[in-house]
Protein backbone atom coordinates (compact mmCIF):
# COMPACT_ATOMS: atom_id res chain seq x y z
CA MET A 1 -165.00 141.51 -129.06
CA ASN A 2 -168.81 141.72 -128.71
CA LYS A 3 -170.13 138.86 -126.62
CA SER A 4 -172.95 136.69 -127.93
CA TYR A 5 -175.65 135.57 -125.52
CA SER A 6 -174.10 132.11 -125.58
CA GLN A 7 -170.84 133.49 -124.19
CA LYS A 8 -172.56 135.66 -121.59
CA ILE A 9 -174.81 132.81 -120.48
CA SER A 10 -171.82 130.45 -120.29
CA GLU A 11 -169.89 132.90 -118.16
CA ARG A 12 -172.74 133.18 -115.67
CA GLN A 13 -173.65 129.45 -115.66
CA TRP A 14 -170.13 128.13 -115.17
CA ASN A 15 -169.16 130.79 -112.64
CA LEU A 16 -171.85 129.81 -110.15
CA PRO A 17 -170.03 129.37 -106.79
CA ASP A 18 -170.73 125.65 -106.43
CA LYS A 19 -169.63 124.65 -109.95
CA GLY A 20 -166.07 123.72 -109.02
CA GLU A 21 -167.04 121.31 -106.27
CA LEU A 22 -170.01 119.74 -108.05
CA GLU A 23 -168.30 119.26 -111.42
CA SER A 24 -165.27 117.65 -109.77
CA GLN A 25 -167.53 114.94 -108.30
CA ARG A 26 -169.48 113.93 -111.40
CA GLU A 27 -167.60 110.66 -111.87
CA ASP A 28 -168.62 109.68 -108.35
CA THR A 29 -172.23 110.62 -109.04
CA PHE A 30 -173.32 109.63 -112.56
CA ILE A 31 -172.61 106.40 -114.47
CA ASP A 32 -172.72 108.12 -117.87
CA ASP A 33 -169.92 110.45 -116.74
CA ILE A 34 -167.82 107.48 -115.66
CA ILE A 35 -168.24 105.85 -119.07
CA GLN A 36 -167.55 109.00 -121.04
CA LYS A 37 -164.48 110.04 -119.03
CA ASP A 38 -163.07 106.51 -119.21
CA HIS A 39 -163.40 106.56 -123.01
CA LEU A 40 -161.76 109.97 -123.30
CA GLU A 41 -158.91 109.02 -120.98
CA ARG A 42 -158.07 106.01 -123.13
CA GLN A 43 -158.07 108.16 -126.25
CA VAL A 44 -155.88 110.83 -124.64
CA LEU A 45 -153.27 108.42 -123.33
CA ALA A 46 -153.09 106.61 -126.67
CA ALA A 47 -152.41 109.94 -128.43
CA LEU A 48 -149.45 111.13 -126.34
CA ASP A 49 -146.64 109.84 -128.55
CA GLY A 50 -144.63 112.87 -129.70
CA VAL A 51 -146.70 115.30 -127.62
CA GLU A 52 -144.98 117.69 -125.21
CA THR A 53 -147.44 120.60 -125.01
CA VAL A 54 -151.25 120.54 -124.83
CA PHE A 55 -153.95 123.18 -124.83
CA ASP A 56 -156.99 122.00 -122.83
CA GLY A 57 -159.91 124.23 -123.84
CA GLY A 58 -162.80 124.23 -121.40
CA ALA A 59 -160.66 122.27 -118.98
CA GLY A 60 -163.07 122.51 -116.06
CA CYS A 61 -161.81 121.03 -112.82
CA GLY A 62 -158.73 119.54 -114.44
CA ARG A 63 -159.85 115.98 -115.13
CA PHE A 64 -157.62 115.82 -118.21
CA SER A 65 -155.13 118.63 -117.67
CA ILE A 66 -154.01 116.95 -114.44
CA LEU A 67 -153.86 113.54 -116.15
CA LEU A 68 -151.72 115.01 -118.93
CA ALA A 69 -149.41 116.75 -116.48
CA MET A 70 -148.96 113.50 -114.56
CA HIS A 71 -147.67 112.00 -117.82
CA GLY A 72 -145.03 114.68 -118.18
CA VAL A 73 -146.89 116.98 -120.58
CA LYS A 74 -146.85 120.77 -120.21
CA VAL A 75 -150.50 121.87 -120.17
CA THR A 76 -152.34 125.14 -120.64
CA HIS A 77 -155.57 124.76 -118.67
CA PHE A 78 -158.06 127.21 -120.22
CA ASP A 79 -161.57 127.71 -118.84
CA ILE A 80 -164.28 130.34 -118.52
CA SER A 81 -165.00 129.46 -114.88
CA LYS A 82 -163.01 130.80 -111.94
CA PRO A 83 -164.61 128.35 -109.44
CA MET A 84 -163.58 125.41 -111.63
CA ILE A 85 -160.06 126.78 -112.17
CA ASP A 86 -159.72 127.21 -108.40
CA LYS A 87 -160.83 123.60 -107.87
CA ALA A 88 -158.44 122.43 -110.60
CA LYS A 89 -155.53 124.18 -108.88
CA GLU A 90 -156.45 122.47 -105.62
CA LEU A 91 -156.57 119.06 -107.28
CA ALA A 92 -153.37 119.69 -109.26
CA GLU A 93 -151.53 120.59 -106.07
CA ALA A 94 -152.78 117.41 -104.40
CA ALA A 95 -151.53 115.43 -107.42
CA GLY A 96 -148.13 117.14 -107.30
CA VAL A 97 -148.36 118.69 -110.78
CA LEU A 98 -149.30 122.30 -110.06
CA ASP A 99 -146.00 123.52 -111.54
CA LYS A 100 -146.66 121.69 -114.83
CA ILE A 101 -149.94 123.50 -115.60
CA GLU A 102 -150.59 127.09 -116.66
CA PHE A 103 -154.10 128.18 -115.65
CA VAL A 104 -155.86 130.75 -117.82
CA GLN A 105 -159.40 132.11 -117.46
CA GLY A 106 -160.93 132.94 -120.81
CA ALA A 107 -163.60 132.16 -123.40
CA LEU A 108 -163.04 129.76 -126.30
CA GLU A 109 -164.46 132.42 -128.62
CA ASP A 110 -161.18 134.32 -128.25
CA LEU A 111 -157.92 132.37 -128.62
CA SER A 112 -156.05 135.27 -130.22
CA ALA A 113 -153.38 135.16 -127.50
CA TYR A 114 -152.05 131.90 -128.95
CA GLY A 115 -149.94 131.50 -132.05
CA ASP A 116 -150.35 129.16 -135.01
CA GLY A 117 -149.19 125.66 -134.10
CA GLN A 118 -148.20 126.74 -130.60
CA PHE A 119 -149.25 123.41 -129.06
CA ASP A 120 -148.53 119.84 -130.13
CA MET A 121 -152.08 118.86 -129.24
CA ALA A 122 -155.36 120.58 -128.42
CA VAL A 123 -158.21 118.94 -126.55
CA SER A 124 -161.69 120.19 -125.68
CA PHE A 125 -163.99 117.81 -123.84
CA ASP A 126 -167.53 117.78 -122.38
CA ALA A 127 -168.91 119.98 -125.14
CA PRO A 128 -167.62 123.53 -124.43
CA VAL A 129 -167.35 123.98 -128.20
CA SER A 130 -171.09 123.36 -128.48
CA TYR A 131 -171.78 126.06 -125.89
CA THR A 132 -170.21 128.69 -128.17
CA TYR A 133 -173.15 128.64 -130.62
CA PRO A 134 -173.42 130.36 -133.08
CA ASN A 135 -169.61 130.44 -133.22
CA GLN A 136 -168.97 126.70 -132.89
CA GLU A 137 -167.35 126.19 -136.29
CA LYS A 138 -165.11 129.23 -135.85
CA VAL A 139 -164.01 127.91 -132.45
CA ILE A 140 -163.08 124.53 -133.94
CA GLY A 141 -161.07 126.46 -136.53
CA GLU A 142 -159.21 128.33 -133.81
CA LEU A 143 -158.47 125.14 -131.86
CA SER A 144 -157.20 123.67 -135.13
CA ARG A 145 -155.03 126.75 -135.77
CA ILE A 146 -153.17 126.64 -132.47
CA CYS A 147 -152.23 122.95 -132.59
CA LYS A 148 -149.85 121.31 -135.02
CA LYS A 149 -150.15 117.55 -134.52
CA LYS A 150 -153.36 116.23 -132.96
CA LEU A 151 -156.83 117.53 -132.16
CA LEU A 152 -159.25 115.75 -129.82
CA LEU A 153 -162.80 117.04 -129.38
CA SER A 154 -166.01 115.98 -127.74
CA VAL A 155 -169.04 118.03 -128.74
CA THR A 156 -172.76 117.70 -128.11
CA SER A 157 -174.29 114.97 -130.25
CA ARG A 158 -177.51 116.03 -131.98
CA LEU A 159 -178.82 112.48 -132.32
CA GLY A 160 -177.65 111.61 -128.83
CA SER A 161 -179.46 114.61 -127.36
CA LEU A 162 -182.79 113.97 -129.07
CA PRO A 163 -183.92 111.17 -126.70
CA TYR A 164 -183.97 113.71 -123.85
CA LEU A 165 -187.07 115.19 -125.50
CA SER A 166 -188.82 111.83 -125.15
CA ASP A 167 -187.45 110.85 -121.75
CA PRO A 168 -187.35 113.65 -119.16
CA ILE A 169 -186.14 111.23 -116.47
CA GLN A 170 -183.25 109.95 -118.57
CA LYS A 171 -180.51 111.43 -116.38
CA SER A 172 -181.88 109.62 -113.35
CA HIS A 173 -181.14 106.32 -115.13
CA TYR A 174 -177.44 107.03 -114.54
CA ILE A 175 -177.42 107.95 -110.85
CA LEU A 176 -174.83 105.80 -109.13
CA ASP A 177 -175.57 106.81 -105.53
CA GLU A 178 -179.13 107.75 -104.61
CA ASN A 179 -177.84 109.15 -101.30
CA SER A 180 -175.48 111.59 -103.01
CA GLY A 181 -175.47 115.11 -101.59
CA ASP A 182 -175.49 116.54 -105.12
CA PRO A 183 -178.59 118.78 -105.32
CA PHE A 184 -179.20 117.76 -108.94
CA VAL A 185 -179.31 114.06 -107.96
CA GLN A 186 -181.88 114.77 -105.29
CA TRP A 187 -183.87 116.97 -107.67
CA CYS A 188 -183.97 114.19 -110.29
CA LEU A 189 -185.20 111.67 -107.73
CA SER A 190 -187.76 113.93 -106.07
CA HIS A 191 -189.23 115.12 -109.40
CA ARG A 192 -189.22 111.73 -111.14
CA ASP A 193 -192.94 110.96 -110.68
CA GLU A 194 -193.97 114.52 -111.54
CA MET A 195 -191.93 114.49 -114.78
CA ILE A 196 -193.53 111.20 -115.82
CA GLU A 197 -197.01 112.44 -114.98
CA THR A 198 -196.68 115.72 -116.87
CA PHE A 199 -194.74 114.42 -119.90
CA ARG A 200 -196.23 114.76 -123.35
CA PHE A 201 -194.30 113.98 -126.55
CA ASP A 202 -193.77 117.05 -128.72
CA GLN A 203 -193.12 115.95 -132.30
CA ALA A 204 -192.59 119.52 -133.52
CA ALA A 205 -189.82 120.12 -130.97
CA ALA A 206 -188.12 116.84 -131.89
CA LYS A 207 -188.25 117.65 -135.61
CA LYS A 208 -186.88 121.14 -134.97
CA LEU A 209 -183.92 119.85 -132.97
CA LEU A 210 -183.20 117.17 -135.57
CA ALA A 211 -183.25 119.74 -138.38
CA GLU A 212 -181.46 122.65 -136.69
CA GLY A 213 -179.37 121.18 -133.89
CA VAL A 214 -179.90 124.07 -131.47
CA ILE A 215 -180.91 123.31 -127.88
CA GLY A 216 -182.26 126.39 -126.13
CA GLY A 217 -182.64 129.96 -127.29
CA GLU A 218 -185.24 132.60 -126.44
CA ALA A 219 -186.16 131.18 -123.03
CA GLU A 220 -182.51 131.10 -121.94
CA VAL A 221 -181.91 134.65 -123.14
CA ALA A 222 -184.98 135.84 -121.22
CA GLU A 223 -183.86 134.04 -118.05
CA TYR A 224 -180.40 135.58 -118.37
CA GLU A 225 -181.88 139.06 -118.79
CA GLN A 226 -183.89 138.54 -115.61
CA GLY A 227 -180.70 137.82 -113.67
CA GLY A 228 -180.79 134.02 -113.86
CA ALA A 229 -178.11 131.54 -114.82
CA PRO A 230 -179.77 129.27 -117.41
CA TRP A 231 -178.14 126.28 -119.04
CA CYS A 232 -176.02 127.24 -122.03
CA ILE A 233 -177.53 127.51 -125.49
CA THR A 234 -176.06 124.43 -127.14
CA TYR A 235 -175.35 123.27 -130.69
CA GLY A 236 -175.64 119.55 -131.44
CA PHE A 237 -173.44 118.17 -134.22
CA MET A 238 -174.18 115.36 -136.65
CA PRO A 239 -171.26 112.92 -137.14
CA ASP A 240 -170.75 113.68 -140.83
CA GLU A 241 -170.96 117.41 -140.11
CA LEU A 242 -168.13 117.28 -137.57
CA ARG A 243 -166.02 115.09 -139.84
CA GLY A 244 -166.58 117.51 -142.73
CA ILE A 245 -165.46 120.51 -140.66
CA LEU A 246 -162.25 118.74 -139.66
CA GLU A 247 -161.53 117.66 -143.22
CA ARG A 248 -161.99 121.21 -144.50
CA LEU A 249 -159.49 122.37 -141.89
CA GLY A 250 -156.91 119.98 -143.30
CA TRP A 251 -157.13 117.19 -140.74
CA ARG A 252 -156.74 113.56 -141.77
CA ASP A 253 -156.88 110.15 -140.06
CA ILE A 254 -160.11 111.22 -138.37
CA ARG A 255 -161.57 108.66 -135.96
CA MET A 256 -164.84 109.12 -134.12
CA ALA A 257 -166.85 107.58 -131.30
CA GLY A 258 -170.14 107.92 -129.45
CA PRO A 259 -169.20 107.30 -125.80
CA GLY A 260 -172.13 105.87 -123.89
CA ALA A 261 -173.96 104.36 -126.86
CA TYR A 262 -173.81 100.80 -125.52
CA ALA A 263 -174.71 101.76 -121.95
CA ARG A 264 -177.75 103.61 -123.23
CA SER A 265 -179.40 100.29 -124.06
CA ILE A 266 -179.08 98.91 -120.52
CA SER A 267 -181.48 99.47 -117.61
CA TRP A 268 -180.53 101.58 -114.60
CA GLU A 269 -180.73 98.61 -112.22
CA ILE A 270 -178.30 96.54 -114.29
CA LEU A 271 -175.92 99.46 -114.89
CA ARG A 272 -175.68 100.06 -111.15
CA LYS A 273 -175.08 96.36 -110.50
CA ILE A 274 -172.23 96.37 -113.03
CA MET A 275 -170.67 99.57 -111.72
CA GLU A 276 -170.75 98.43 -108.10
CA ASP A 277 -168.61 95.35 -108.92
CA PRO A 278 -165.00 96.35 -109.76
CA ALA A 279 -164.37 93.32 -112.00
CA GLN A 280 -167.61 93.73 -113.96
CA ARG A 281 -167.04 97.47 -114.22
CA ARG A 282 -163.59 97.01 -115.80
CA ASP A 283 -164.83 94.43 -118.30
CA PHE A 284 -167.85 96.56 -119.13
CA LEU A 285 -165.79 99.71 -119.75
CA ASP A 286 -163.39 97.70 -121.94
CA PHE A 287 -166.30 96.55 -124.08
CA CYS A 288 -167.95 99.98 -124.19
CA PHE A 289 -164.72 101.47 -125.53
CA VAL A 290 -164.80 99.07 -128.50
CA TYR A 291 -168.55 99.16 -129.15
CA ASP A 292 -168.87 102.94 -128.91
CA GLN A 293 -166.34 103.42 -131.74
CA ASN A 294 -168.44 101.43 -134.21
CA PRO A 295 -169.48 103.80 -137.02
CA TYR A 296 -173.08 102.62 -136.82
CA VAL A 297 -173.57 104.00 -133.28
CA LEU A 298 -171.57 107.25 -133.49
CA GLY A 299 -174.53 109.56 -133.18
CA MET A 300 -176.11 107.76 -130.24
CA GLY A 301 -173.43 108.41 -127.66
CA LYS A 302 -175.00 109.52 -124.39
CA ASP A 303 -174.46 113.25 -124.83
CA ASN A 304 -171.24 113.66 -126.72
CA LEU A 305 -169.71 112.92 -130.09
CA PHE A 306 -165.94 112.37 -129.98
CA ALA A 307 -163.40 112.96 -132.72
CA ILE A 308 -159.61 112.63 -132.90
CA ALA A 309 -157.73 113.94 -135.92
CA VAL A 310 -154.06 114.03 -136.95
CA LYS A 311 -152.14 116.36 -139.25
């Protein structure tokens, strides 16, 4: 098949040599990742009744494929990144579940190797579907085709992404450890004052993203052509849009959430205080799980919009 720029850019971005190690540490580094992964884990474990086989599309370093295998599920771990697959194999071996996972390197744009209803459940988390723009709806259709019982997705939230245009230091609000060796953490901290100083609100850019949902484009293509590894061109979904796609594909009992919506309203200093106390952290995550499923906050999840659907 002919590759779109989104696929080519994704291949280069996610195959950077350090991706496996850095991505495997995100829950030790960023509070928003802790909250999102906690929400997704609860949803996954609650959905396992009657599930024996799972396709994990864009499985990364194995955060969920390993969890599923530890609960006795046979998992196909599918990802575009060799460094992340290598890290996932290492972590799966340490967890004692290497033999329960099949590792496959490939792009979500092409799932032709898998048959209709081959898996009891398909999951795709941390927005790999959104990185397949302009093929995102087709990819959801293919994930739907290969699973027969349950589909769990997290995609980029359009409304949740818009505040980044008005707050360039937003990610630094979620740094858990300022002494982390993660280069991105140190970049956020060292550039914080500069980003504040140079920021200027761009209403036209905000209106364009709200109307079209596409993050990135010509600049990323140009960087790729010059040999760089830009961030993936990304499509942001509206809640009703994602629900409508799933309904057209024949899914019912659709439930949605905006993981991180509640935490978004809390200052960095207080979030860190909560997360550094195990008892407060547990209570906080319990409440976030409930709050973030309220239909009035679906779009304002930190980065992602979550959906679970049943046939």
